[in-house]
Protein backbone atom coordinates (compact mmCIF):
# COMPACT_ATOMS: atom_id res chain seq x y z
CA MET A 1 136.29 106.01 81.52
CA ALA A 2 137.92 106.11 84.94
CA HIS A 3 136.21 104.82 88.06
CA VAL A 4 136.50 107.49 90.76
CA ASP A 5 134.56 108.55 93.81
CA PRO A 6 133.09 111.86 92.56
CA VAL A 7 133.12 113.53 95.98
CA GLN A 8 136.73 112.61 96.69
CA PHE A 9 137.87 113.50 93.19
CA GLU A 10 136.10 116.85 93.37
CA GLN A 11 137.92 117.57 96.64
CA VAL A 12 141.26 116.75 95.00
CA LEU A 13 140.57 119.12 92.11
CA ILE A 14 139.36 121.90 94.42
CA ASN A 15 142.49 121.61 96.57
CA LEU A 16 144.93 121.49 93.65
CA ILE A 17 143.31 124.42 91.82
CA LYS A 18 143.17 126.42 95.07
CA ASN A 19 146.90 125.72 95.59
CA ALA A 20 147.62 126.92 92.03
CA ASP A 21 145.62 130.08 92.63
CA GLU A 22 147.39 130.82 95.92
CA ALA A 23 150.80 130.26 94.29
CA MET A 24 150.12 133.11 91.88
CA ASN A 25 150.19 135.75 94.66
CA ASN A 26 147.21 137.65 93.23
CA LYS A 27 148.85 138.02 89.80
CA LEU A 28 146.52 138.35 86.87
CA ALA A 29 147.29 135.06 85.23
CA ASN A 30 145.47 131.96 84.11
CA ILE A 31 145.36 128.51 85.54
CA GLU A 32 145.19 126.01 82.73
CA VAL A 33 143.52 122.62 83.17
CA LYS A 34 144.25 120.05 80.48
CA ALA A 35 142.88 116.55 80.07
CA SER A 36 144.08 113.90 77.69
CA ILE A 37 143.59 110.20 77.20
CA ASP A 38 145.58 107.42 75.60
CA LEU A 39 145.06 103.67 75.49
CA ASN A 40 146.08 103.14 79.11
CA SER A 41 145.50 106.33 81.07
CA ILE A 42 143.66 109.55 81.60
CA ILE A 43 145.95 112.48 82.36
CA ILE A 44 144.80 115.70 83.98
CA GLU A 45 147.25 118.59 84.29
CA ILE A 46 146.81 121.77 86.29
CA ILE A 47 149.30 124.37 85.10
CA ASP A 48 149.95 127.71 86.79
CA SER A 49 152.38 130.59 86.45
CA GLY A 50 152.94 131.05 90.16
CA VAL A 51 156.09 130.91 92.24
CA GLY A 52 156.82 127.26 91.47
CA ILE A 53 158.02 124.61 93.91
CA LYS A 54 160.82 125.80 96.15
CA ASN A 55 161.48 122.61 98.12
CA THR A 56 160.56 119.37 96.39
CA ASP A 57 161.97 117.26 99.26
CA ASN A 58 159.08 118.11 101.58
CA LEU A 59 156.34 118.23 98.97
CA PHE A 60 154.37 115.31 100.39
CA ALA A 61 155.64 115.49 103.98
CA PRO A 62 152.66 115.54 106.34
CA PHE A 63 152.20 118.86 108.18
CA TYR A 64 154.92 120.64 106.17
CA THR A 65 153.67 123.88 104.68
CA THR A 66 155.01 127.13 103.26
CA LYS A 67 151.70 128.93 103.76
CA LYS A 68 150.89 131.11 106.77
CA GLN A 69 147.44 129.58 107.08
CA GLY A 70 148.30 126.11 105.77
CA SER A 71 148.05 122.82 107.62
CA GLY A 72 150.34 120.75 105.39
CA ILE A 73 147.81 117.99 104.76
CA GLY A 74 146.30 119.05 101.42
CA LEU A 75 148.82 117.51 99.02
CA VAL A 76 149.24 114.45 101.22
CA LEU A 77 145.49 113.86 101.22
CA CYS A 78 145.25 114.47 97.46
CA ARG A 79 147.98 111.93 96.79
CA GLU A 80 146.34 109.35 99.06
CA ILE A 81 142.99 109.78 97.30
CA ILE A 82 144.53 109.47 93.83
CA GLU A 83 146.60 106.44 94.85
CA ALA A 84 143.47 104.82 96.35
CA HIS A 85 142.05 105.09 92.83
CA GLN A 86 145.15 103.28 91.47
CA GLY A 87 146.50 106.53 90.06
CA SER A 88 149.47 108.80 90.60
CA LEU A 89 149.93 112.46 91.49
CA SER A 90 153.09 114.40 90.68
CA LEU A 91 154.20 118.03 90.79
CA GLU A 92 157.07 119.67 88.98
CA ASN A 93 158.27 123.13 88.10
CA ARG A 94 157.56 124.31 84.58
CA SER A 95 160.47 124.28 82.16
CA ASP A 96 159.09 127.01 79.87
CA GLN A 97 158.48 129.68 82.54
CA GLN A 98 157.89 130.18 86.25
CA GLY A 99 155.14 128.04 87.71
CA CYS A 100 154.11 124.49 88.44
CA ILE A 101 152.51 121.55 86.67
CA VAL A 102 150.40 119.14 88.69
CA LYS A 103 149.78 115.85 86.92
CA ILE A 104 147.11 113.31 87.83
CA GLU A 105 147.27 110.01 86.00
CA LEU A 106 144.45 107.46 86.25
CA ALA A 107 144.05 104.07 84.64
CA VAL A 108 141.48 103.74 81.87
CA HIS A 109 138.72 101.20 82.52
CA ILE A 110 136.67 99.85 79.67
């Protein structure tokens, strides 16, 4: 079990899945959501086959965006929410093909 604010966590998932969808540029492809648990953490991964991350330096820079209609606060806000829940949020390009993996890691509470 992980203790999270359901409204905030829902907003994080909506934003990250929306980002994955937009990265696919209307391609017919799947977004995969995986969840796993071990003794210490719950891991949620959102995996897409979109364009991937072009500039990792500015990934969490406030107001930086590569989208025409973007504000540049989505990932920053997601990271702040996850960190407020004593978790971590990371993004990386896939090694097996084009696309991105978003990883949320939360502590397990018994």
